[in-house]
Amino acid sequence: MIATIVCCFAFLTTKAAAKTEQPLSATLTFYYNIKNALVAGDAAAAASQAASFLDAVNNANTTSLGSKEQEAFSALRQKLAADAKKITENKDLAAQRASFTTLSDNMYKLAKAVKLSSDPVYQAYCPMKKAYWLSSEAAIKNPYYGSSMLTCGKVSDTIH
């Protein structure tokens, strides 16, 4: 009986912690999915993932964030939504990649202000495009040029 109670309490505590630990982590996940679709040159997938990102931004519950984190997200929320909306509305890969530039800049600001992941977030730089993007891995997979220049770039920052 006590073991059951302890087990249930541990489960509920873990579940509650998972819900409140990183309330904006879905935005990072969908951002990575947009990036991966652009790397693959898949405009339809980029638009679909941008729609999911937009939904995550619009419906984010930030009540568990501190006041500074809430402020940071509030300041970026409309910009993130506008960037994602441009990607969803445009089926042209080049135009999506152009919108991804500002989305990446705004996501970097958010990642610096709010802990989005317990894993490192890498900011990479493409010298040809003069643009940044975020990645879950240090290996370069360039979303601006895809397969034509897949490994062009370098990690410029790591957010822990």
N, C-alpha and C. Protein backbone atom coordinates (compact mmCIF):
# COMPACT_ATOMS: atom_id res chain seq x y z
N MET A 1 0.82 -1.19 0.00
CA MET A 1 0.00 0.00 0.00
C MET A 1 0.87 1.26 0.00
N ILE A 2 1.86 1.31 0.89
CA ILE A 2 2.74 2.48 0.95
C ILE A 2 3.55 2.58 -0.35
N ALA A 3 4.01 1.45 -0.84
CA ALA A 3 4.77 1.45 -2.10
C ALA A 3 3.92 2.00 -3.24
N THR A 4 2.65 1.65 -3.26
CA THR A 4 1.73 2.14 -4.29
C THR A 4 1.56 3.64 -4.18
N ILE A 5 1.40 4.13 -2.97
CA ILE A 5 1.23 5.56 -2.75
C ILE A 5 2.50 6.31 -3.17
N VAL A 6 3.66 5.81 -2.77
CA VAL A 6 4.93 6.43 -3.12
C VAL A 6 5.10 6.43 -4.64
N CYS A 7 4.78 5.30 -5.27
CA CYS A 7 4.90 5.19 -6.71
C CYS A 7 3.99 6.20 -7.41
N CYS A 8 2.74 6.28 -6.97
CA CYS A 8 1.79 7.22 -7.58
C CYS A 8 2.23 8.66 -7.36
N PHE A 9 2.71 8.98 -6.16
CA PHE A 9 3.18 10.33 -5.87
C PHE A 9 4.37 10.67 -6.76
N ALA A 10 5.31 9.74 -6.90
CA ALA A 10 6.48 9.97 -7.75
C ALA A 10 6.05 10.20 -9.20
N PHE A 11 5.08 9.42 -9.67
CA PHE A 11 4.58 9.57 -11.03
C PHE A 11 3.94 10.94 -11.22
N LEU A 12 3.08 11.36 -10.29
CA LEU A 12 2.41 12.64 -10.41
C LEU A 12 3.39 13.79 -10.31
N THR A 13 4.38 13.67 -9.43
CA THR A 13 5.39 14.71 -9.29
C THR A 13 6.19 14.83 -10.58
N THR A 14 6.60 13.70 -11.16
CA THR A 14 7.36 13.70 -12.40
C THR A 14 6.52 14.29 -13.53
N LYS A 15 5.27 13.90 -13.59
CA LYS A 15 4.38 14.39 -14.64
C LYS A 15 4.18 15.91 -14.49
N ALA A 16 4.00 16.39 -13.28
CA ALA A 16 3.83 17.82 -13.05
C ALA A 16 5.11 18.57 -13.40
N ALA A 17 6.25 18.02 -13.04
CA ALA A 17 7.53 18.66 -13.35
C ALA A 17 7.72 18.74 -14.86
N ALA A 18 7.35 17.68 -15.58
CA ALA A 18 7.50 17.68 -17.03
C ALA A 18 6.62 18.76 -17.67
N LYS A 19 5.44 18.99 -17.10
CA LYS A 19 4.55 20.01 -17.64
C LYS A 19 5.06 21.41 -17.37
N THR A 20 5.65 21.64 -16.21
CA THR A 20 6.03 22.99 -15.83
C THR A 20 7.50 23.31 -16.06
N GLU A 21 8.32 22.32 -16.28
CA GLU A 21 9.75 22.56 -16.39
C GLU A 21 10.10 23.45 -17.58
N GLN A 22 9.56 23.13 -18.75
CA GLN A 22 9.89 23.88 -19.95
C GLN A 22 8.63 24.10 -20.79
N PRO A 23 7.81 25.06 -20.41
CA PRO A 23 6.53 25.24 -21.09
C PRO A 23 6.64 25.66 -22.56
N LEU A 24 7.78 26.19 -22.97
CA LEU A 24 7.94 26.61 -24.35
C LEU A 24 8.77 25.63 -25.18
N SER A 25 9.03 24.45 -24.64
CA SER A 25 9.86 23.48 -25.35
C SER A 25 9.24 23.04 -26.68
N ALA A 26 7.91 23.05 -26.78
CA ALA A 26 7.25 22.67 -28.04
C ALA A 26 7.64 23.63 -29.16
N THR A 27 7.83 24.90 -28.83
CA THR A 27 8.22 25.85 -29.87
C THR A 27 9.58 25.49 -30.44
N LEU A 28 10.49 25.07 -29.58
CA LEU A 28 11.82 24.67 -30.04
C LEU A 28 11.75 23.40 -30.89
N THR A 29 10.94 22.45 -30.47
CA THR A 29 10.78 21.21 -31.22
C THR A 29 10.26 21.49 -32.63
N PHE A 30 9.20 22.31 -32.73
CA PHE A 30 8.66 22.62 -34.05
C PHE A 30 9.63 23.47 -34.87
N TYR A 31 10.38 24.35 -34.21
CA TYR A 31 11.40 25.13 -34.90
C TYR A 31 12.42 24.18 -35.54
N TYR A 32 12.90 23.21 -34.75
CA TYR A 32 13.85 22.22 -35.29
C TYR A 32 13.23 21.46 -36.47
N ASN A 33 11.94 21.15 -36.39
CA ASN A 33 11.27 20.44 -37.48
C ASN A 33 11.21 21.29 -38.74
N ILE A 34 10.98 22.60 -38.58
CA ILE A 34 11.01 23.51 -39.73
C ILE A 34 12.40 23.50 -40.34
N LYS A 35 13.40 23.64 -39.48
CA LYS A 35 14.79 23.65 -39.96
C LYS A 35 15.10 22.38 -40.73
N ASN A 36 14.72 21.24 -40.18
CA ASN A 36 15.01 19.96 -40.84
C ASN A 36 14.29 19.84 -42.18
N ALA A 37 13.08 20.37 -42.27
CA ALA A 37 12.35 20.35 -43.54
C ALA A 37 13.06 21.23 -44.57
N LEU A 38 13.58 22.37 -44.14
CA LEU A 38 14.32 23.24 -45.05
C LEU A 38 15.64 22.60 -45.48
N VAL A 39 16.29 21.91 -44.57
CA VAL A 39 17.52 21.18 -44.91
C VAL A 39 17.20 20.16 -46.02
N ALA A 40 16.07 19.48 -45.88
CA ALA A 40 15.66 18.46 -46.84
C ALA A 40 15.08 19.06 -48.12
N GLY A 41 14.84 20.37 -48.13
CA GLY A 41 14.26 21.00 -49.30
C GLY A 41 12.79 20.69 -49.48
N ASP A 42 12.09 20.44 -48.39
CA ASP A 42 10.69 20.05 -48.42
C ASP A 42 9.80 21.22 -47.97
N ALA A 43 9.34 22.00 -48.95
CA ALA A 43 8.55 23.19 -48.65
C ALA A 43 7.22 22.85 -47.98
N ALA A 44 6.59 21.75 -48.38
CA ALA A 44 5.30 21.36 -47.79
C ALA A 44 5.47 21.02 -46.31
N ALA A 45 6.52 20.27 -45.99
CA ALA A 45 6.78 19.91 -44.59
C ALA A 45 7.14 21.15 -43.78
N ALA A 46 7.90 22.07 -44.37
CA ALA A 46 8.26 23.31 -43.66
C ALA A 46 7.00 24.10 -43.33
N ALA A 47 6.08 24.19 -44.28
CA ALA A 47 4.83 24.91 -44.05
C ALA A 47 3.99 24.23 -42.97
N SER A 48 3.94 22.92 -43.00
CA SER A 48 3.17 22.16 -42.01
C SER A 48 3.75 22.33 -40.61
N GLN A 49 5.05 22.24 -40.50
CA GLN A 49 5.71 22.39 -39.20
C GLN A 49 5.62 23.83 -38.70
N ALA A 50 5.64 24.78 -39.62
CA ALA A 50 5.48 26.19 -39.23
C ALA A 50 4.07 26.42 -38.68
N ALA A 51 3.08 25.73 -39.24
CA ALA A 51 1.71 25.83 -38.71
C ALA A 51 1.65 25.28 -37.29
N SER A 52 2.34 24.17 -37.05
CA SER A 52 2.39 23.59 -35.70
C SER A 52 3.13 24.52 -34.75
N PHE A 53 4.21 25.12 -35.23
CA PHE A 53 4.97 26.11 -34.43
C PHE A 53 4.06 27.28 -34.07
N LEU A 54 3.33 27.79 -35.05
CA LEU A 54 2.43 28.92 -34.83
C LEU A 54 1.38 28.57 -33.77
N ASP A 55 0.84 27.38 -33.84
CA ASP A 55 -0.13 26.93 -32.85
C ASP A 55 0.50 26.87 -31.45
N ALA A 56 1.73 26.36 -31.38
CA ALA A 56 2.43 26.27 -30.09
C ALA A 56 2.70 27.66 -29.50
N VAL A 57 3.07 28.61 -30.34
CA VAL A 57 3.32 29.98 -29.88
C VAL A 57 2.02 30.63 -29.40
N ASN A 58 0.97 30.48 -30.19
CA ASN A 58 -0.31 31.11 -29.85
C ASN A 58 -0.96 30.51 -28.61
N ASN A 59 -0.69 29.24 -28.33
CA ASN A 59 -1.35 28.56 -27.22
C ASN A 59 -0.41 28.25 -26.06
N ALA A 60 0.76 28.85 -26.06
CA ALA A 60 1.74 28.58 -25.00
C ALA A 60 1.21 29.05 -23.65
N ASN A 61 1.33 28.17 -22.67
CA ASN A 61 0.96 28.50 -21.29
C ASN A 61 2.24 28.85 -20.55
N THR A 62 2.40 30.11 -20.25
CA THR A 62 3.66 30.58 -19.65
C THR A 62 3.52 30.92 -18.18
N THR A 63 2.44 30.47 -17.56
CA THR A 63 2.21 30.82 -16.16
C THR A 63 3.29 30.31 -15.22
N SER A 64 3.96 29.23 -15.60
CA SER A 64 5.00 28.69 -14.72
C SER A 64 6.36 29.37 -14.92
N LEU A 65 6.45 30.25 -15.89
CA LEU A 65 7.70 30.98 -16.12
C LEU A 65 7.83 32.12 -15.13
N GLY A 66 9.06 32.50 -14.88
CA GLY A 66 9.31 33.67 -14.05
C GLY A 66 8.93 34.94 -14.80
N SER A 67 8.88 36.05 -14.11
CA SER A 67 8.44 37.29 -14.74
C SER A 67 9.35 37.74 -15.88
N LYS A 68 10.66 37.57 -15.73
CA LYS A 68 11.59 37.94 -16.80
C LYS A 68 11.38 37.09 -18.04
N GLU A 69 11.16 35.78 -17.83
CA GLU A 69 10.93 34.87 -18.95
C GLU A 69 9.60 35.19 -19.64
N GLN A 70 8.57 35.47 -18.84
CA GLN A 70 7.28 35.85 -19.41
C GLN A 70 7.40 37.13 -20.24
N GLU A 71 8.14 38.09 -19.72
CA GLU A 71 8.38 39.35 -20.44
C GLU A 71 9.08 39.10 -21.76
N ALA A 72 10.12 38.28 -21.72
CA ALA A 72 10.89 37.97 -22.93
C ALA A 72 10.00 37.32 -23.98
N PHE A 73 9.19 36.34 -23.56
CA PHE A 73 8.30 35.66 -24.50
C PHE A 73 7.24 36.62 -25.03
N SER A 74 6.67 37.43 -24.15
CA SER A 74 5.65 38.39 -24.58
C SER A 74 6.19 39.35 -25.63
N ALA A 75 7.44 39.78 -25.45
CA ALA A 75 8.06 40.70 -26.41
C ALA A 75 8.30 40.06 -27.76
N LEU A 76 8.47 38.73 -27.78
CA LEU A 76 8.79 38.03 -29.03
C LEU A 76 7.61 37.28 -29.64
N ARG A 77 6.56 37.10 -28.88
CA ARG A 77 5.44 36.25 -29.31
C ARG A 77 4.89 36.65 -30.68
N GLN A 78 4.57 37.91 -30.87
CA GLN A 78 4.00 38.35 -32.16
C GLN A 78 5.00 38.21 -33.30
N LYS A 79 6.26 38.48 -33.03
CA LYS A 79 7.29 38.35 -34.07
C LYS A 79 7.44 36.88 -34.49
N LEU A 80 7.48 35.99 -33.51
CA LEU A 80 7.58 34.56 -33.81
C LEU A 80 6.38 34.09 -34.61
N ALA A 81 5.20 34.53 -34.21
CA ALA A 81 3.97 34.15 -34.92
C ALA A 81 3.99 34.68 -36.36
N ALA A 82 4.41 35.92 -36.55
CA ALA A 82 4.45 36.51 -37.89
C ALA A 82 5.46 35.78 -38.78
N ASP A 83 6.63 35.45 -38.21
CA ASP A 83 7.65 34.71 -38.97
C ASP A 83 7.12 33.35 -39.41
N ALA A 84 6.48 32.64 -38.49
CA ALA A 84 5.96 31.31 -38.80
C ALA A 84 4.83 31.40 -39.82
N LYS A 85 3.99 32.41 -39.68
CA LYS A 85 2.87 32.58 -40.61
C LYS A 85 3.37 32.78 -42.03
N LYS A 86 4.45 33.55 -42.20
CA LYS A 86 5.03 33.76 -43.53
C LYS A 86 5.48 32.42 -44.14
N ILE A 87 6.03 31.54 -43.31
CA ILE A 87 6.48 30.24 -43.81
C ILE A 87 5.28 29.37 -44.19
N THR A 88 4.21 29.42 -43.39
CA THR A 88 3.03 28.60 -43.70
C THR A 88 2.33 29.08 -44.97
N GLU A 89 2.34 30.37 -45.20
CA GLU A 89 1.61 30.93 -46.34
C GLU A 89 2.37 30.85 -47.65
N ASN A 90 3.66 30.59 -47.59
CA ASN A 90 4.46 30.57 -48.79
C ASN A 90 4.94 29.17 -49.11
N LYS A 91 4.67 28.70 -50.29
CA LYS A 91 5.08 27.34 -50.68
C LYS A 91 6.41 27.34 -51.44
N ASP A 92 6.98 28.54 -51.64
CA ASP A 92 8.26 28.67 -52.32
C ASP A 92 9.39 28.50 -51.31
N LEU A 93 10.25 27.55 -51.56
CA LEU A 93 11.34 27.21 -50.64
C LEU A 93 12.26 28.40 -50.36
N ALA A 94 12.60 29.16 -51.39
CA ALA A 94 13.48 30.33 -51.21
C ALA A 94 12.82 31.36 -50.29
N ALA A 95 11.54 31.59 -50.48
CA ALA A 95 10.83 32.55 -49.63
C ALA A 95 10.72 32.03 -48.20
N GLN A 96 10.49 30.73 -48.04
CA GLN A 96 10.45 30.15 -46.70
C GLN A 96 11.79 30.31 -46.00
N ARG A 97 12.85 30.07 -46.74
CA ARG A 97 14.19 30.20 -46.15
C ARG A 97 14.47 31.65 -45.75
N ALA A 98 13.99 32.60 -46.53
CA ALA A 98 14.16 34.01 -46.18
C ALA A 98 13.42 34.33 -44.88
N SER A 99 12.21 33.83 -44.73
CA SER A 99 11.44 34.04 -43.50
C SER A 99 12.07 33.31 -42.31
N PHE A 100 12.72 32.20 -42.60
CA PHE A 100 13.37 31.42 -41.55
C PHE A 100 14.51 32.21 -40.90
N THR A 101 15.11 33.12 -41.64
CA THR A 101 16.20 33.94 -41.11
C THR A 101 15.73 34.75 -39.91
N THR A 102 14.61 35.45 -40.05
CA THR A 102 14.11 36.25 -38.93
C THR A 102 13.53 35.36 -37.83
N LEU A 103 12.90 34.25 -38.22
CA LEU A 103 12.42 33.30 -37.21
C LEU A 103 13.59 32.82 -36.35
N SER A 104 14.70 32.51 -36.98
CA SER A 104 15.88 32.03 -36.26
C SER A 104 16.45 33.09 -35.33
N ASP A 105 16.49 34.33 -35.80
CA ASP A 105 16.99 35.41 -34.95
C ASP A 105 16.10 35.59 -33.71
N ASN A 106 14.80 35.52 -33.91
CA ASN A 106 13.87 35.67 -32.78
C ASN A 106 13.89 34.46 -31.86
N MET A 107 14.05 33.26 -32.41
CA MET A 107 14.16 32.07 -31.56
C MET A 107 15.44 32.10 -30.74
N TYR A 108 16.51 32.63 -31.31
CA TYR A 108 17.77 32.76 -30.56
C TYR A 108 17.57 33.68 -29.35
N LYS A 109 16.90 34.80 -29.57
CA LYS A 109 16.61 35.72 -28.47
C LYS A 109 15.79 35.02 -27.38
N LEU A 110 14.81 34.24 -27.81
CA LEU A 110 13.98 33.51 -26.86
C LEU A 110 14.80 32.47 -26.11
N ALA A 111 15.63 31.72 -26.84
CA ALA A 111 16.45 30.67 -26.21
C ALA A 111 17.46 31.25 -25.22
N LYS A 112 17.93 32.45 -25.48
CA LYS A 112 18.86 33.11 -24.54
C LYS A 112 18.13 33.56 -23.28
N ALA A 113 16.85 33.90 -23.41
CA ALA A 113 16.09 34.44 -22.28
C ALA A 113 15.33 33.39 -21.48
N VAL A 114 14.95 32.30 -22.14
CA VAL A 114 14.11 31.27 -21.53
C VAL A 114 14.73 29.91 -21.80
N LYS A 115 14.86 29.09 -20.77
CA LYS A 115 15.39 27.74 -20.97
C LYS A 115 14.36 26.91 -21.73
N LEU A 116 14.67 26.59 -22.98
CA LEU A 116 13.75 25.87 -23.84
C LEU A 116 13.99 24.37 -23.84
N SER A 117 15.19 23.97 -23.39
CA SER A 117 15.55 22.56 -23.44
C SER A 117 16.60 22.26 -22.38
N SER A 118 16.57 21.03 -21.90
CA SER A 118 17.62 20.61 -20.97
C SER A 118 18.88 20.23 -21.75
N ASP A 119 18.75 20.06 -23.06
CA ASP A 119 19.89 19.77 -23.93
C ASP A 119 20.46 21.09 -24.47
N PRO A 120 21.72 21.07 -24.88
CA PRO A 120 22.29 22.30 -25.45
C PRO A 120 21.55 22.69 -26.73
N VAL A 121 21.46 23.99 -26.96
CA VAL A 121 20.91 24.54 -28.20
C VAL A 121 22.09 25.22 -28.90
N TYR A 122 22.37 24.79 -30.12
CA TYR A 122 23.51 25.33 -30.86
C TYR A 122 23.02 26.39 -31.84
N GLN A 123 23.71 27.52 -31.86
CA GLN A 123 23.45 28.52 -32.88
C GLN A 123 24.54 28.37 -33.93
N ALA A 124 24.13 28.17 -35.16
CA ALA A 124 25.08 28.01 -36.26
C ALA A 124 24.97 29.23 -37.19
N TYR A 125 26.04 29.46 -37.95
CA TYR A 125 26.11 30.61 -38.83
C TYR A 125 26.49 30.18 -40.24
N CYS A 126 25.77 30.70 -41.21
CA CYS A 126 26.07 30.45 -42.62
C CYS A 126 26.73 31.71 -43.19
N PRO A 127 28.03 31.64 -43.53
CA PRO A 127 28.71 32.83 -44.04
C PRO A 127 28.24 33.24 -45.44
N MET A 128 27.74 32.31 -46.21
CA MET A 128 27.26 32.63 -47.56
C MET A 128 25.96 33.44 -47.49
N LYS A 129 25.06 33.06 -46.60
CA LYS A 129 23.77 33.71 -46.44
C LYS A 129 23.85 34.87 -45.44
N LYS A 130 24.91 34.85 -44.62
CA LYS A 130 25.07 35.80 -43.51
C LYS A 130 23.86 35.73 -42.59
N ALA A 131 23.53 34.47 -42.23
CA ALA A 131 22.36 34.22 -41.40
C ALA A 131 22.63 33.09 -40.42
N TYR A 132 21.88 33.09 -39.34
CA TYR A 132 22.03 32.11 -38.27
C TYR A 132 20.85 31.16 -38.26
N TRP A 133 21.02 30.04 -37.56
CA TRP A 133 19.92 29.14 -37.26
C TRP A 133 20.27 28.38 -35.99
N LEU A 134 19.26 27.74 -35.38
CA LEU A 134 19.46 26.94 -34.18
C LEU A 134 19.40 25.47 -34.54
N SER A 135 20.14 24.67 -33.77
CA SER A 135 20.17 23.24 -34.01
C SER A 135 20.29 22.49 -32.69
N SER A 136 19.81 21.27 -32.69
CA SER A 136 19.94 20.42 -31.50
C SER A 136 21.27 19.68 -31.49
N GLU A 137 22.03 19.83 -32.57
CA GLU A 137 23.32 19.14 -32.67
C GLU A 137 24.38 20.10 -33.21
N ALA A 138 25.63 19.80 -32.87
CA ALA A 138 26.74 20.64 -33.31
C ALA A 138 27.08 20.42 -34.78
N ALA A 139 26.71 19.27 -35.32
CA ALA A 139 26.97 18.98 -36.74
C ALA A 139 26.18 19.97 -37.60
N ILE A 140 26.83 20.52 -38.60
CA ILE A 140 26.20 21.52 -39.47
C ILE A 140 25.36 20.84 -40.54
N LYS A 141 24.08 21.26 -40.58
CA LYS A 141 23.15 20.88 -41.64
C LYS A 141 22.43 22.16 -42.02
N ASN A 142 22.90 22.79 -43.08
CA ASN A 142 22.50 24.14 -43.44
C ASN A 142 21.09 24.19 -44.04
N PRO A 143 20.15 24.87 -43.37
CA PRO A 143 18.78 24.97 -43.88
C PRO A 143 18.62 25.99 -45.01
N TYR A 144 19.61 26.85 -45.19
CA TYR A 144 19.50 27.89 -46.21
C TYR A 144 19.88 27.41 -47.60
N TYR A 145 20.70 26.39 -47.67
CA TYR A 145 21.13 25.87 -48.96
C TYR A 145 20.85 24.38 -49.14
N GLY A 146 20.45 23.71 -48.07
CA GLY A 146 20.10 22.30 -48.18
C GLY A 146 21.24 21.46 -48.74
N SER A 147 20.91 20.54 -49.62
CA SER A 147 21.91 19.59 -50.12
C SER A 147 23.00 20.24 -50.95
N SER A 148 22.76 21.43 -51.52
CA SER A 148 23.79 22.06 -52.34
C SER A 148 24.98 22.56 -51.52
N MET A 149 24.75 22.88 -50.24
CA MET A 149 25.85 23.32 -49.36
C MET A 149 25.54 22.85 -47.94
N LEU A 150 25.28 21.57 -47.81
CA LEU A 150 24.78 21.01 -46.56
C LEU A 150 25.64 21.32 -45.34
N THR A 151 26.94 21.24 -45.47
CA THR A 151 27.81 21.41 -44.30
C THR A 151 28.48 22.78 -44.23
N CYS A 152 27.97 23.74 -45.01
CA CYS A 152 28.53 25.09 -44.98
C CYS A 152 28.04 25.79 -43.71
N GLY A 153 28.98 26.23 -42.90
CA GLY A 153 28.64 26.96 -41.70
C GLY A 153 29.49 26.53 -40.52
N LYS A 154 29.23 27.15 -39.39
CA LYS A 154 29.95 26.82 -38.17
C LYS A 154 29.08 27.15 -36.97
N VAL A 155 29.33 26.49 -35.86
CA VAL A 155 28.63 26.78 -34.61
C VAL A 155 29.22 28.08 -34.06
N SER A 156 28.36 29.03 -33.74
CA SER A 156 28.82 30.31 -33.23
C SER A 156 28.50 30.51 -31.75
N ASP A 157 27.55 29.73 -31.22
CA ASP A 157 27.18 29.86 -29.80
C ASP A 157 26.53 28.56 -29.36
N THR A 158 26.67 28.27 -28.07
CA THR A 158 26.00 27.12 -27.46
C THR A 158 25.28 27.61 -26.23
N ILE A 159 23.96 27.35 -26.18
CA ILE A 159 23.14 27.76 -25.06
C ILE A 159 22.89 26.52 -24.22
N HIS A 160 23.27 26.58 -22.95
CA HIS A 160 23.07 25.43 -22.05
C HIS A 160 21.87 25.63 -21.18
